[in-house]
Amino acid sequence: MSKPKCKRAKALPWAMLLQAGAVLGKRWRSLSAKDRAHLARLTRESKGRLGNLSEKERRELRKLVGKLDLKGMSRELLPLVRPGRKRKRP
């Protein structure tokens, strides 16, 4: 049985949370002010559901999220989750 969300959050080391916040903040600041405002508006309007957006708004949201480079962010955060493991590159 999984732990409740609040228990899981307490189990995370604070340093890891701070590092994740710093990485996310860096990605967020990499967007222009106009893009940040537009992304925030689309996120609020969708209420977390893509189906609440029009097709055009979904394309805009995907474009803006792509600019955040979430794949790169995951590469930066992976060492925090799995310390000591080095990934072999082909």
PDB file of N, CA and C in Angstrom:
ATOM      1  N   MET A   1       0.842  -1.174   0.000  1.00  0.00           N
ATOM      2  CA  MET A   1       0.000   0.000   0.000  1.00  0.00           C
ATOM      3  C   MET A   1       0.893   1.246   0.000  1.00  0.00           C
ATOM      4  N   SER A   2       0.576   2.239  -0.820  1.00  0.00           N
ATOM      5  CA  SER A   2       1.428   3.409  -0.925  1.00  0.00           C
ATOM      6  C   SER A   2       1.157   4.386   0.205  1.00  0.00           C
ATOM      7  N   LYS A   3       2.172   5.180   0.505  1.00  0.00           N
ATOM      8  CA  LYS A   3       2.053   6.182   1.563  1.00  0.00           C
ATOM      9  C   LYS A   3       1.190   7.340   1.085  1.00  0.00           C
ATOM     10  N   PRO A   4       0.495   7.999   2.000  1.00  0.00           N
ATOM     11  CA  PRO A   4      -0.231   9.217   1.610  1.00  0.00           C
ATOM     12  C   PRO A   4       0.742  10.275   1.106  1.00  0.00           C
ATOM     13  N   LYS A   5       0.253  11.183   0.272  1.00  0.00           N
ATOM     14  CA  LYS A   5       1.123  12.181  -0.351  1.00  0.00           C
ATOM     15  C   LYS A   5       1.896  12.994   0.672  1.00  0.00           C
ATOM     16  N   CYS A   6       1.257  13.404   1.769  1.00  0.00           N
ATOM     17  CA  CYS A   6       1.957  14.227   2.754  1.00  0.00           C
ATOM     18  C   CYS A   6       3.095  13.453   3.405  1.00  0.00           C
ATOM     19  N   LYS A   7       2.917  12.148   3.618  1.00  0.00           N
ATOM     20  CA  LYS A   7       3.989  11.334   4.210  1.00  0.00           C
ATOM     21  C   LYS A   7       5.157  11.193   3.246  1.00  0.00           C
ATOM     22  N   ARG A   8       4.829  11.015   1.948  1.00  0.00           N
ATOM     23  CA  ARG A   8       5.892  10.897   0.951  1.00  0.00           C
ATOM     24  C   ARG A   8       6.676  12.190   0.852  1.00  0.00           C
ATOM     25  N   ALA A   9       5.995  13.343   0.906  1.00  0.00           N
ATOM     26  CA  ALA A   9       6.681  14.626   0.820  1.00  0.00           C
ATOM     27  C   ALA A   9       7.622  14.823   1.997  1.00  0.00           C
ATOM     28  N   LYS A  10       7.198  14.378   3.182  1.00  0.00           N
ATOM     29  CA  LYS A  10       8.049  14.512   4.367  1.00  0.00           C
ATOM     30  C   LYS A  10       9.279  13.612   4.271  1.00  0.00           C
ATOM     31  N   ALA A  11       9.160  12.516   3.537  1.00  0.00           N
ATOM     32  CA  ALA A  11      10.266  11.566   3.422  1.00  0.00           C
ATOM     33  C   ALA A  11      11.371  12.074   2.491  1.00  0.00           C
ATOM     34  N   LEU A  12      11.070  13.046   1.632  1.00  0.00           N
ATOM     35  CA  LEU A  12      12.079  13.560   0.705  1.00  0.00           C
ATOM     36  C   LEU A  12      13.057  14.476   1.420  1.00  0.00           C
ATOM     37  N   PRO A  13      14.317  14.327   1.162  1.00  0.00           N
ATOM     38  CA  PRO A  13      15.292  15.236   1.764  1.00  0.00           C
ATOM     39  C   PRO A  13      15.108  16.664   1.237  1.00  0.00           C
ATOM     40  N   TRP A  14      15.213  17.625   2.128  1.00  0.00           N
ATOM     41  CA  TRP A  14      15.004  19.024   1.752  1.00  0.00           C
ATOM     42  C   TRP A  14      16.006  19.511   0.722  1.00  0.00           C
ATOM     43  N   ALA A  15      17.225  19.037   0.783  1.00  0.00           N
ATOM     44  CA  ALA A  15      18.231  19.465  -0.191  1.00  0.00           C
ATOM     45  C   ALA A  15      17.817  19.077  -1.601  1.00  0.00           C
ATOM     46  N   MET A  16      17.216  17.895  -1.742  1.00  0.00           N
ATOM     47  CA  MET A  16      16.770  17.437  -3.050  1.00  0.00           C
ATOM     48  C   MET A  16      15.634  18.329  -3.564  1.00  0.00           C
ATOM     49  N   LEU A  17      14.714  18.688  -2.673  1.00  0.00           N
ATOM     50  CA  LEU A  17      13.618  19.564  -3.071  1.00  0.00           C
ATOM     51  C   LEU A  17      14.118  20.939  -3.482  1.00  0.00           C
ATOM     52  N   LEU A  18      15.087  21.458  -2.742  1.00  0.00           N
ATOM     53  CA  LEU A  18      15.648  22.767  -3.091  1.00  0.00           C
ATOM     54  C   LEU A  18      16.349  22.729  -4.443  1.00  0.00           C
ATOM     55  N   GLN A  19      17.090  21.668  -4.690  1.00  0.00           N
ATOM     56  CA  GLN A  19      17.780  21.525  -5.970  1.00  0.00           C
ATOM     57  C   GLN A  19      16.778  21.434  -7.113  1.00  0.00           C
ATOM     58  N   ALA A  20      15.714  20.659  -6.909  1.00  0.00           N
ATOM     59  CA  ALA A  20      14.685  20.533  -7.943  1.00  0.00           C
ATOM     60  C   ALA A  20      14.020  21.880  -8.193  1.00  0.00           C
ATOM     61  N   GLY A  21      13.775  22.631  -7.133  1.00  0.00           N
ATOM     62  CA  GLY A  21      13.189  23.964  -7.279  1.00  0.00           C
ATOM     63  C   GLY A  21      14.108  24.906  -8.039  1.00  0.00           C
ATOM     64  N   ALA A  22      15.403  24.800  -7.777  1.00  0.00           N
ATOM     65  CA  ALA A  22      16.365  25.652  -8.472  1.00  0.00           C
ATOM     66  C   ALA A  22      16.411  25.326  -9.963  1.00  0.00           C
ATOM     67  N   VAL A  23      16.403  24.043 -10.284  1.00  0.00           N
ATOM     68  CA  VAL A  23      16.431  23.619 -11.694  1.00  0.00           C
ATOM     69  C   VAL A  23      15.160  24.068 -12.403  1.00  0.00           C
ATOM     70  N   LEU A  24      14.018  23.866 -11.761  1.00  0.00           N
ATOM     71  CA  LEU A  24      12.751  24.283 -12.354  1.00  0.00           C
ATOM     72  C   LEU A  24      12.698  25.801 -12.516  1.00  0.00           C
ATOM     73  N   GLY A  25      13.192  26.523 -11.520  1.00  0.00           N
ATOM     74  CA  GLY A  25      13.224  27.986 -11.613  1.00  0.00           C
ATOM     75  C   GLY A  25      14.088  28.477 -12.764  1.00  0.00           C
ATOM     76  N   LYS A  26      15.213  27.805 -12.959  1.00  0.00           N
ATOM     77  CA  LYS A  26      16.108  28.182 -14.067  1.00  0.00           C
ATOM     78  C   LYS A  26      15.414  27.986 -15.407  1.00  0.00           C
ATOM     79  N   ARG A  27      14.693  26.874 -15.537  1.00  0.00           N
ATOM     80  CA  ARG A  27      13.959  26.610 -16.783  1.00  0.00           C
ATOM     81  C   ARG A  27      12.850  27.632 -16.980  1.00  0.00           C
ATOM     82  N   TRP A  28      12.146  27.969 -15.903  1.00  0.00           N
ATOM     83  CA  TRP A  28      11.047  28.934 -15.972  1.00  0.00           C
ATOM     84  C   TRP A  28      11.572  30.307 -16.388  1.00  0.00           C
ATOM     85  N   ARG A  29      12.691  30.724 -15.804  1.00  0.00           N
ATOM     86  CA  ARG A  29      13.269  32.035 -16.137  1.00  0.00           C
ATOM     87  C   ARG A  29      13.842  32.083 -17.544  1.00  0.00           C
ATOM     88  N   SER A  30      14.093  30.912 -18.123  1.00  0.00           N
ATOM     89  CA  SER A  30      14.629  30.892 -19.490  1.00  0.00           C
ATOM     90  C   SER A  30      13.562  31.304 -20.505  1.00  0.00           C
ATOM     91  N   LEU A  31      12.285  31.217 -20.114  1.00  0.00           N
ATOM     92  CA  LEU A  31      11.200  31.679 -20.987  1.00  0.00           C
ATOM     93  C   LEU A  31      11.104  33.197 -20.910  1.00  0.00           C
ATOM     94  N   SER A  32      10.640  33.809 -21.977  1.00  0.00           N
ATOM     95  CA  SER A  32      10.406  35.252 -21.952  1.00  0.00           C
ATOM     96  C   SER A  32       9.221  35.535 -21.036  1.00  0.00           C
ATOM     97  N   ALA A  33       9.092  36.765 -20.583  1.00  0.00           N
ATOM     98  CA  ALA A  33       7.980  37.146 -19.703  1.00  0.00           C
ATOM     99  C   ALA A  33       6.639  36.888 -20.393  1.00  0.00           C
ATOM    100  N   LYS A  34       6.595  37.157 -21.692  1.00  0.00           N
ATOM    101  CA  LYS A  34       5.366  36.940 -22.458  1.00  0.00           C
ATOM    102  C   LYS A  34       5.007  35.448 -22.486  1.00  0.00           C
ATOM    103  N   ASP A  35       6.027  34.593 -22.719  1.00  0.00           N
ATOM    104  CA  ASP A  35       5.796  33.149 -22.751  1.00  0.00           C
ATOM    105  C   ASP A  35       5.371  32.620 -21.381  1.00  0.00           C
ATOM    106  N   ARG A  36       6.014  33.121 -20.316  1.00  0.00           N
ATOM    107  CA  ARG A  36       5.641  32.692 -18.961  1.00  0.00           C
ATOM    108  C   ARG A  36       4.189  33.041 -18.669  1.00  0.00           C
ATOM    109  N   ALA A  37       3.774  34.260 -19.019  1.00  0.00           N
ATOM    110  CA  ALA A  37       2.399  34.691 -18.774  1.00  0.00           C
ATOM    111  C   ALA A  37       1.416  33.843 -19.581  1.00  0.00           C
ATOM    112  N   HIS A  38       1.773  33.571 -20.824  1.00  0.00           N
ATOM    113  CA  HIS A  38       0.892  32.783 -21.695  1.00  0.00           C
ATOM    114  C   HIS A  38       0.773  31.343 -21.179  1.00  0.00           C
ATOM    115  N   LEU A  39       1.892  30.754 -20.765  1.00  0.00           N
ATOM    116  CA  LEU A  39       1.888  29.398 -20.227  1.00  0.00           C
ATOM    117  C   LEU A  39       1.049  29.335 -18.948  1.00  0.00           C
ATOM    118  N   ALA A  40       1.205  30.317 -18.087  1.00  0.00           N
ATOM    119  CA  ALA A  40       0.421  30.356 -16.848  1.00  0.00           C
ATOM    120  C   ALA A  40      -1.074  30.484 -17.151  1.00  0.00           C
ATOM    121  N   ARG A  41      -1.414  31.322 -18.127  1.00  0.00           N
ATOM    122  CA  ARG A  41      -2.821  31.507 -18.482  1.00  0.00           C
ATOM    123  C   ARG A  41      -3.417  30.212 -19.019  1.00  0.00           C
ATOM    124  N   LEU A  42      -2.690  29.558 -19.924  1.00  0.00           N
ATOM    125  CA  LEU A  42      -3.185  28.301 -20.495  1.00  0.00           C
ATOM    126  C   LEU A  42      -3.339  27.226 -19.414  1.00  0.00           C
ATOM    127  N   THR A  43      -2.397  27.181 -18.495  1.00  0.00           N
ATOM    128  CA  THR A  43      -2.459  26.194 -17.419  1.00  0.00           C
ATOM    129  C   THR A  43      -3.658  26.447 -16.516  1.00  0.00           C
ATOM    130  N   ARG A  44      -3.898  27.698 -16.186  1.00  0.00           N
ATOM    131  CA  ARG A  44      -5.067  28.032 -15.361  1.00  0.00           C
ATOM    132  C   ARG A  44      -6.360  27.690 -16.084  1.00  0.00           C
ATOM    133  N   GLU A  45      -6.439  28.068 -17.358  1.00  0.00           N
ATOM    134  CA  GLU A  45      -7.657  27.818 -18.134  1.00  0.00           C
ATOM    135  C   GLU A  45      -7.951  26.332 -18.269  1.00  0.00           C
ATOM    136  N   SER A  46      -6.911  25.518 -18.415  1.00  0.00           N
ATOM    137  CA  SER A  46      -7.113  24.085 -18.623  1.00  0.00           C
ATOM    138  C   SER A  46      -7.521  23.365 -17.345  1.00  0.00           C
ATOM    139  N   LYS A  47      -7.210  23.964 -16.195  1.00  0.00           N
ATOM    140  CA  LYS A  47      -7.476  23.328 -14.895  1.00  0.00           C
ATOM    141  C   LYS A  47      -6.864  21.926 -14.847  1.00  0.00           C
ATOM    142  N   GLY A  48      -5.700  21.784 -15.493  1.00  0.00           N
ATOM    143  CA  GLY A  48      -4.988  20.512 -15.481  1.00  0.00           C
ATOM    144  C   GLY A  48      -5.480  19.491 -16.486  1.00  0.00           C
ATOM    145  N   ARG A  49      -6.406  19.875 -17.351  1.00  0.00           N
ATOM    146  CA  ARG A  49      -6.948  18.930 -18.338  1.00  0.00           C
ATOM    147  C   ARG A  49      -6.803  19.510 -19.741  1.00  0.00           C
ATOM    148  N   LEU A  50      -6.080  18.803 -20.582  1.00  0.00           N
ATOM    149  CA  LEU A  50      -5.885  19.279 -21.954  1.00  0.00           C
ATOM    150  C   LEU A  50      -7.194  19.387 -22.712  1.00  0.00           C
ATOM    151  N   GLY A  51      -8.155  18.558 -22.369  1.00  0.00           N
ATOM    152  CA  GLY A  51      -9.447  18.587 -23.032  1.00  0.00           C
ATOM    153  C   GLY A  51     -10.209  19.892 -22.832  1.00  0.00           C
ATOM    154  N   ASN A  52      -9.802  20.684 -21.848  1.00  0.00           N
ATOM    155  CA  ASN A  52     -10.449  21.971 -21.605  1.00  0.00           C
ATOM    156  C   ASN A  52      -9.917  23.070 -22.528  1.00  0.00           C
ATOM    157  N   LEU A  53      -8.917  22.742 -23.331  1.00  0.00           N
ATOM    158  CA  LEU A  53      -8.328  23.717 -24.249  1.00  0.00           C
ATOM    159  C   LEU A  53      -8.730  23.401 -25.684  1.00  0.00           C
ATOM    160  N   SER A  54      -8.728  24.427 -26.513  1.00  0.00           N
ATOM    161  CA  SER A  54      -8.977  24.205 -27.933  1.00  0.00           C
ATOM    162  C   SER A  54      -7.731  23.568 -28.557  1.00  0.00           C
ATOM    163  N   GLU A  55      -7.861  23.073 -29.767  1.00  0.00           N
ATOM    164  CA  GLU A  55      -6.721  22.448 -30.446  1.00  0.00           C
ATOM    165  C   GLU A  55      -5.572  23.447 -30.600  1.00  0.00           C
ATOM    166  N   LYS A  56      -5.897  24.680 -30.938  1.00  0.00           N
ATOM    167  CA  LYS A  56      -4.868  25.715 -31.099  1.00  0.00           C
ATOM    168  C   LYS A  56      -4.157  25.977 -29.771  1.00  0.00           C
ATOM    169  N   GLU A  57      -4.920  26.050 -28.690  1.00  0.00           N
ATOM    170  CA  GLU A  57      -4.318  26.285 -27.370  1.00  0.00           C
ATOM    171  C   GLU A  57      -3.445  25.110 -26.950  1.00  0.00           C
ATOM    172  N   ARG A  58      -3.857  23.889 -27.293  1.00  0.00           N
ATOM    173  CA  ARG A  58      -3.030  22.714 -26.986  1.00  0.00           C
ATOM    174  C   ARG A  58      -1.696  22.768 -27.705  1.00  0.00           C
ATOM    175  N   ARG A  59      -1.734  23.178 -28.990  1.00  0.00           N
ATOM    176  CA  ARG A  59      -0.474  23.312 -29.744  1.00  0.00           C
ATOM    177  C   ARG A  59       0.424  24.364 -29.109  1.00  0.00           C
ATOM    178  N   GLU A  60      -0.170  25.495 -28.694  1.00  0.00           N
ATOM    179  CA  GLU A  60       0.603  26.556 -28.049  1.00  0.00           C
ATOM    180  C   GLU A  60       1.213  26.051 -26.737  1.00  0.00           C
ATOM    181  N   LEU A  61       0.420  25.311 -25.968  1.00  0.00           N
ATOM    182  CA  LEU A  61       0.902  24.775 -24.697  1.00  0.00           C
ATOM    183  C   LEU A  61       2.069  23.816 -24.923  1.00  0.00           C
ATOM    184  N   ARG A  62       1.933  22.922 -25.908  1.00  0.00           N
ATOM    185  CA  ARG A  62       3.025  21.989 -26.224  1.00  0.00           C
ATOM    186  C   ARG A  62       4.289  22.736 -26.635  1.00  0.00           C
ATOM    187  N   LYS A  63       4.117  23.791 -27.412  1.00  0.00           N
ATOM    188  CA  LYS A  63       5.268  24.579 -27.858  1.00  0.00           C
ATOM    189  C   LYS A  63       5.971  25.229 -26.662  1.00  0.00           C
ATOM    190  N   LEU A  64       5.191  25.798 -25.762  1.00  0.00           N
ATOM    191  CA  LEU A  64       5.771  26.459 -24.594  1.00  0.00           C
ATOM    192  C   LEU A  64       6.435  25.459 -23.650  1.00  0.00           C
ATOM    193  N   VAL A  65       5.812  24.327 -23.444  1.00  0.00           N
ATOM    194  CA  VAL A  65       6.397  23.300 -22.584  1.00  0.00           C
ATOM    195  C   VAL A  65       7.682  22.770 -23.222  1.00  0.00           C
ATOM    196  N   GLY A  66       7.694  22.679 -24.542  1.00  0.00           N
ATOM    197  CA  GLY A  66       8.912  22.269 -25.237  1.00  0.00           C
ATOM    198  C   GLY A  66      10.063  23.220 -24.994  1.00  0.00           C
ATOM    199  N   LYS A  67       9.748  24.505 -24.882  1.00  0.00           N
ATOM    200  CA  LYS A  67      10.787  25.502 -24.605  1.00  0.00           C
ATOM    201  C   LYS A  67      11.376  25.332 -23.207  1.00  0.00           C
ATOM    202  N   LEU A  68      10.618  24.733 -22.289  1.00  0.00           N
ATOM    203  CA  LEU A  68      11.125  24.497 -20.933  1.00  0.00           C
ATOM    204  C   LEU A  68      12.196  23.415 -20.906  1.00  0.00           C
ATOM    205  N   ASP A  69      12.263  22.594 -21.956  1.00  0.00           N
ATOM    206  CA  ASP A  69      13.236  21.505 -22.068  1.00  0.00           C
ATOM    207  C   ASP A  69      13.156  20.582 -20.855  1.00  0.00           C
ATOM    208  N   LEU A  70      12.009  19.957 -20.686  1.00  0.00           N
ATOM    209  CA  LEU A  70      11.798  19.065 -19.557  1.00  0.00           C
ATOM    210  C   LEU A  70      12.704  17.842 -19.609  1.00  0.00           C
ATOM    211  N   LYS A  71      13.065  17.428 -20.811  1.00  0.00           N
ATOM    212  CA  LYS A  71      13.970  16.292 -20.944  1.00  0.00           C
ATOM    213  C   LYS A  71      15.349  16.653 -20.355  1.00  0.00           C
ATOM    214  N   GLY A  72      15.807  17.857 -20.663  1.00  0.00           N
ATOM    215  CA  GLY A  72      17.076  18.316 -20.096  1.00  0.00           C
ATOM    216  C   GLY A  72      16.992  18.467 -18.585  1.00  0.00           C
ATOM    217  N   MET A  73      15.842  18.924 -18.110  1.00  0.00           N
ATOM    218  CA  MET A  73      15.653  19.081 -16.671  1.00  0.00           C
ATOM    219  C   MET A  73      15.714  17.714 -15.989  1.00  0.00           C
ATOM    220  N   SER A  74      15.132  16.706 -16.603  1.00  0.00           N
ATOM    221  CA  SER A  74      15.165  15.374 -15.992  1.00  0.00           C
ATOM    222  C   SER A  74      16.594  14.850 -15.926  1.00  0.00           C
ATOM    223  N   ARG A  75      17.410  15.180 -16.929  1.00  0.00           N
ATOM    224  CA  ARG A  75      18.816  14.762 -16.896  1.00  0.00           C
ATOM    225  C   ARG A  75      19.551  15.428 -15.738  1.00  0.00           C
ATOM    226  N   GLU A  76      19.196  16.687 -15.444  1.00  0.00           N
ATOM    227  CA  GLU A  76      19.833  17.381 -14.330  1.00  0.00           C
ATOM    228  C   GLU A  76      19.389  16.811 -12.983  1.00  0.00           C
ATOM    229  N   LEU A  77      18.158  16.344 -12.900  1.00  0.00           N
ATOM    230  CA  LEU A  77      17.621  15.852 -11.630  1.00  0.00           C
ATOM    231  C   LEU A  77      17.900  14.377 -11.377  1.00  0.00           C
ATOM    232  N   LEU A  78      18.188  13.615 -12.408  1.00  0.00           N
ATOM    233  CA  LEU A  78      18.408  12.178 -12.258  1.00  0.00           C
ATOM    234  C   LEU A  78      19.493  11.846 -11.231  1.00  0.00           C
ATOM    235  N   PRO A  79      20.621  12.547 -11.209  1.00  0.00           N
ATOM    236  CA  PRO A  79      21.635  12.215 -10.196  1.00  0.00           C
ATOM    237  C   PRO A  79      21.133  12.397  -8.760  1.00  0.00           C
ATOM    238  N   LEU A  80      20.144  13.239  -8.556  1.00  0.00           N
ATOM    239  CA  LEU A  80      19.589  13.419  -7.213  1.00  0.00           C
ATOM    240  C   LEU A  80      18.788  12.198  -6.785  1.00  0.00           C
ATOM    241  N   VAL A  81      18.117  11.590  -7.742  1.00  0.00           N
ATOM    242  CA  VAL A  81      17.269  10.439  -7.445  1.00  0.00           C
ATOM    243  C   VAL A  81      18.091   9.175  -7.316  1.00  0.00           C
ATOM    244  N   ARG A  82      19.096   9.040  -8.167  1.00  0.00           N
ATOM    245  CA  ARG A  82      19.947   7.846  -8.167  1.00  0.00           C
ATOM    246  C   ARG A  82      21.405   8.238  -7.998  1.00  0.00           C
ATOM    247  N   PRO A  83      21.793   8.656  -6.809  1.00  0.00           N
ATOM    248  CA  PRO A  83      23.185   9.066  -6.622  1.00  0.00           C
ATOM    249  C   PRO A  83      24.145   7.895  -6.793  1.00  0.00           C
ATOM    250  N   GLY A  84      25.281   8.182  -7.356  1.00  0.00           N
ATOM    251  CA  GLY A  84      26.314   7.176  -7.517  1.00  0.00           C
ATOM    252  C   GLY A  84      26.204   6.334  -8.769  1.00  0.00           C
ATOM    253  N   ARG A  85      25.073   6.393  -9.431  1.00  0.00           N
ATOM    254  CA  ARG A  85      24.915   5.627 -10.662  1.00  0.00           C
ATOM    255  C   ARG A  85      25.265   6.507 -11.841  1.00  0.00           C
ATOM    256  N   LYS A  86      26.125   6.018 -12.673  1.00  0.00           N
ATOM    257  CA  LYS A  86      26.470   6.746 -13.883  1.00  0.00           C
ATOM    258  C   LYS A  86      25.886   6.006 -15.066  1.00  0.00           C
ATOM    259  N   ARG A  87      25.290   6.769 -15.926  1.00  0.00           N
ATOM    260  CA  ARG A  87      24.649   6.183 -17.103  1.00  0.00           C
ATOM    261  C   ARG A  87      25.666   5.994 -18.214  1.00  0.00           C
ATOM    262  N   LYS A  88      25.676   4.821 -18.813  1.00  0.00           N
ATOM    263  CA  LYS A  88      26.574   4.564 -19.934  1.00  0.00           C
ATOM    264  C   LYS A  88      25.993   5.200 -21.176  1.00  0.00           C
ATOM    265  N   ARG A  89      26.814   5.868 -21.910  1.00  0.00           N
ATOM    266  CA  ARG A  89      26.393   6.478 -23.182  1.00  0.00           C
ATOM    267  C   ARG A  89      26.859   5.566 -24.307  1.00  0.00           C
ATOM    268  N   PRO A  90      25.978   5.325 -25.266  1.00  0.00           N
ATOM    269  CA  PRO A  90      26.364   4.447 -26.395  1.00  0.00           C
ATOM    270  C   PRO A  90      27.422   5.069 -27.265  1.00  0.00           C
TER     271      PRO A  90
END
